[in-house]
């Protein structure tokens, strides 16, 4: 009752892809969280935790035959850490620019309504 190496590699790759998506979500939520109150911070944290937990659960159910091994969570954490320290510093300003542009658009729309 062993796990095929190909299936294990696919599950590790799926876990790594989920980690990249979690990193993008983390940067997006970090931008949304800025300037918000305590409630917005709690909601952002909850959304992020639910995404990560759900991604690991689905990876285990779909790609690992119902029971995730040791390598899938390790791959998730490793790729997420690489994202945070390698890619995130260059992506975060982009989300900040998008947030500022959206704020300007919303202010213009609010003025038009009055």
C-alpha atoms as a PDB file:
ATOM      1  CA  UNK A   1       0.000   0.000   0.000  1.00  0.00           C
ATOM      2  CA  UNK A   2       2.435   2.613  -1.145  1.00  0.00           C
ATOM      3  CA  UNK A   3       1.860   5.904  -2.841  1.00  0.00           C
ATOM      4  CA  UNK A   4       3.057   6.228  -6.413  1.00  0.00           C
ATOM      5  CA  UNK A   5       5.894   8.700  -6.836  1.00  0.00           C
ATOM      6  CA  UNK A   6       4.063  10.453  -9.677  1.00  0.00           C
ATOM      7  CA  UNK A   7       0.979  10.979  -7.514  1.00  0.00           C
ATOM      8  CA  UNK A   8       3.151  12.273  -4.697  1.00  0.00           C
ATOM      9  CA  UNK A   9       4.867  14.751  -7.011  1.00  0.00           C
ATOM     10  CA  UNK A  10       1.485  15.968  -8.284  1.00  0.00           C
ATOM     11  CA  UNK A  11       0.265  16.482  -4.715  1.00  0.00           C
ATOM     12  CA  UNK A  12       3.411  18.423  -3.818  1.00  0.00           C
ATOM     13  CA  UNK A  13       3.033  20.589  -6.937  1.00  0.00           C
ATOM     14  CA  UNK A  14      -0.632  21.238  -6.099  1.00  0.00           C
ATOM     15  CA  UNK A  15       0.351  22.214  -2.571  1.00  0.00           C
ATOM     16  CA  UNK A  16       3.015  24.585  -3.932  1.00  0.00           C
ATOM     17  CA  UNK A  17       0.476  26.171  -6.294  1.00  0.00           C
ATOM     18  CA  UNK A  18      -1.910  26.677  -3.368  1.00  0.00           C
ATOM     19  CA  UNK A  19       0.935  28.351  -1.476  1.00  0.00           C
ATOM     20  CA  UNK A  20       1.503  30.801  -4.337  1.00  0.00           C
ATOM     21  CA  UNK A  21      -2.196  31.625  -4.381  1.00  0.00           C
ATOM     22  CA  UNK A  22      -2.125  32.034  -0.597  1.00  0.00           C
ATOM     23  CA  UNK A  23       0.775  34.460  -0.977  1.00  0.00           C
ATOM     24  CA  UNK A  24      -1.135  36.558  -3.497  1.00  0.00           C
ATOM     25  CA  UNK A  25      -4.185  36.524  -1.241  1.00  0.00           C
ATOM     26  CA  UNK A  26      -1.998  37.542   1.708  1.00  0.00           C
ATOM     27  CA  UNK A  27      -0.665  40.566  -0.182  1.00  0.00           C
ATOM     28  CA  UNK A  28      -4.133  41.543  -1.357  1.00  0.00           C
ATOM     29  CA  UNK A  29      -5.598  41.260   2.128  1.00  0.00           C
ATOM     30  CA  UNK A  30      -2.659  43.157   3.611  1.00  0.00           C
ATOM     31  CA  UNK A  31      -3.499  46.060   1.305  1.00  0.00           C
ATOM     32  CA  UNK A  32      -7.207  45.884   2.149  1.00  0.00           C
ATOM     33  CA  UNK A  33      -6.421  45.709   5.858  1.00  0.00           C
ATOM     34  CA  UNK A  34      -4.435  48.946   5.869  1.00  0.00           C
ATOM     35  CA  UNK A  35      -6.445  51.880   7.047  1.00  0.00           C
ATOM     36  CA  UNK A  36      -9.247  49.662   8.276  1.00  0.00           C
ATOM     37  CA  UNK A  37     -10.468  49.101  11.747  1.00  0.00           C
ATOM     38  CA  UNK A  38     -10.196  46.084  13.975  1.00  0.00           C
ATOM     39  CA  UNK A  39     -13.208  44.380  12.377  1.00  0.00           C
ATOM     40  CA  UNK A  40     -11.668  44.571   8.912  1.00  0.00           C
ATOM     41  CA  UNK A  41      -8.451  43.038  10.250  1.00  0.00           C
ATOM     42  CA  UNK A  42     -10.319  40.168  11.862  1.00  0.00           C
ATOM     43  CA  UNK A  43     -12.274  39.487   8.679  1.00  0.00           C
ATOM     44  CA  UNK A  44      -9.104  39.533   6.562  1.00  0.00           C
ATOM     45  CA  UNK A  45      -7.377  37.129   8.965  1.00  0.00           C
ATOM     46  CA  UNK A  46     -10.389  34.834   8.939  1.00  0.00           C
ATOM     47  CA  UNK A  47     -10.556  34.773   5.138  1.00  0.00           C
ATOM     48  CA  UNK A  48      -6.835  34.006   4.904  1.00  0.00           C
ATOM     49  CA  UNK A  49      -6.979  31.214   7.490  1.00  0.00           C
ATOM     50  CA  UNK A  50     -10.041  29.665   5.852  1.00  0.00           C
ATOM     51  CA  UNK A  51      -8.332  29.750   2.456  1.00  0.00           C
ATOM     52  CA  UNK A  52      -5.144  28.098   3.732  1.00  0.00           C
ATOM     53  CA  UNK A  53      -7.023  25.456   5.715  1.00  0.00           C
ATOM     54  CA  UNK A  54      -9.359  24.734   2.817  1.00  0.00           C
ATOM     55  CA  UNK A  55      -6.495  24.533   0.340  1.00  0.00           C
ATOM     56  CA  UNK A  56      -4.599  22.038   2.492  1.00  0.00           C
ATOM     57  CA  UNK A  57      -7.767  19.995   3.094  1.00  0.00           C
ATOM     58  CA  UNK A  58      -8.652  19.873  -0.606  1.00  0.00           C
ATOM     59  CA  UNK A  59      -5.085  19.026  -1.565  1.00  0.00           C
ATOM     60  CA  UNK A  60      -5.178  16.132   0.882  1.00  0.00           C
ATOM     61  CA  UNK A  61      -8.575  14.905  -0.273  1.00  0.00           C
ATOM     62  CA  UNK A  62      -8.090  15.268  -4.026  1.00  0.00           C
ATOM     63  CA  UNK A  63      -4.415  14.590  -4.640  1.00  0.00           C
ATOM     64  CA  UNK A  64      -3.353  12.485  -1.672  1.00  0.00           C
ATOM     65  CA  UNK A  65      -6.134   9.926  -1.529  1.00  0.00           C
ATOM     66  CA  UNK A  66      -7.728  11.345   1.599  1.00  0.00           C
ATOM     67  CA  UNK A  67      -4.671  11.588   3.788  1.00  0.00           C
ATOM     68  CA  UNK A  68      -1.983  14.188   3.267  1.00  0.00           C
ATOM     69  CA  UNK A  69       1.555  13.152   3.905  1.00  0.00           C
ATOM     70  CA  UNK A  70       4.445  15.009   5.438  1.00  0.00           C
ATOM     71  CA  UNK A  71       5.676  16.642   2.255  1.00  0.00           C
ATOM     72  CA  UNK A  72       2.538  18.512   1.228  1.00  0.00           C
ATOM     73  CA  UNK A  73       2.354  20.855   4.249  1.00  0.00           C
ATOM     74  CA  UNK A  74       6.133  21.240   4.116  1.00  0.00           C
ATOM     75  CA  UNK A  75       5.948  22.230   0.433  1.00  0.00           C
ATOM     76  CA  UNK A  76       3.139  24.663   1.215  1.00  0.00           C
ATOM     77  CA  UNK A  77       5.112  26.369   3.977  1.00  0.00           C
ATOM     78  CA  UNK A  78       8.356  26.415   2.002  1.00  0.00           C
ATOM     79  CA  UNK A  79       6.820  27.961  -1.117  1.00  0.00           C
ATOM     80  CA  UNK A  80       4.800  30.442   0.960  1.00  0.00           C
ATOM     81  CA  UNK A  81       7.989  31.531   2.756  1.00  0.00           C
ATOM     82  CA  UNK A  82       9.820  31.872  -0.570  1.00  0.00           C
ATOM     83  CA  UNK A  83       6.961  33.976  -1.868  1.00  0.00           C
ATOM     84  CA  UNK A  84       6.943  36.257   1.183  1.00  0.00           C
ATOM     85  CA  UNK A  85      10.676  36.916   1.121  1.00  0.00           C
ATOM     86  CA  UNK A  86      11.283  36.792  -2.625  1.00  0.00           C
ATOM     87  CA  UNK A  87       8.262  37.914  -4.606  1.00  0.00           C
ATOM     88  CA  UNK A  88       6.105  39.831  -2.143  1.00  0.00           C
ATOM     89  CA  UNK A  89       8.290  42.968  -1.909  1.00  0.00           C
ATOM     90  CA  UNK A  90       7.826  43.586  -5.624  1.00  0.00           C
ATOM     91  CA  UNK A  91       4.106  42.691  -5.734  1.00  0.00           C
ATOM     92  CA  UNK A  92       2.875  44.621  -2.675  1.00  0.00           C
ATOM     93  CA  UNK A  93       3.341  48.107  -4.217  1.00  0.00           C
ATOM     94  CA  UNK A  94       1.198  47.045  -7.173  1.00  0.00           C
ATOM     95  CA  UNK A  95      -1.715  46.206  -4.868  1.00  0.00           C
ATOM     96  CA  UNK A  96      -1.209  49.529  -3.090  1.00  0.00           C
ATOM     97  CA  UNK A  97      -1.423  51.402  -6.403  1.00  0.00           C
ATOM     98  CA  UNK A  98      -4.585  49.500  -7.320  1.00  0.00           C
ATOM     99  CA  UNK A  99      -6.097  50.351  -3.935  1.00  0.00           C
ATOM    100  CA  UNK A 100      -5.341  54.038  -4.398  1.00  0.00           C
ATOM    101  CA  UNK A 101      -6.845  54.066  -7.914  1.00  0.00           C
ATOM    102  CA  UNK A 102      -9.988  52.333  -6.654  1.00  0.00           C
ATOM    103  CA  UNK A 103     -10.297  54.846  -3.812  1.00  0.00           C
ATOM    104  CA  UNK A 104     -10.113  57.727  -6.314  1.00  0.00           C
ATOM    105  CA  UNK A 105     -12.785  56.126  -8.496  1.00  0.00           C
ATOM    106  CA  UNK A 106     -15.074  55.544  -5.501  1.00  0.00           C
ATOM    107  CA  UNK A 107     -14.651  59.165  -4.363  1.00  0.00           C
ATOM    108  CA  UNK A 108     -15.597  60.410  -7.849  1.00  0.00           C
ATOM    109  CA  UNK A 109     -18.657  58.168  -7.898  1.00  0.00           C
ATOM    110  CA  UNK A 110     -19.688  59.379  -4.463  1.00  0.00           C
ATOM    111  CA  UNK A 111     -19.468  63.007  -5.616  1.00  0.00           C
ATOM    112  CA  UNK A 112     -21.592  62.227  -8.696  1.00  0.00           C
ATOM    113  CA  UNK A 113     -24.339  60.756  -6.500  1.00  0.00           C
ATOM    114  CA  UNK A 114     -24.636  63.978  -4.484  1.00  0.00           C
END
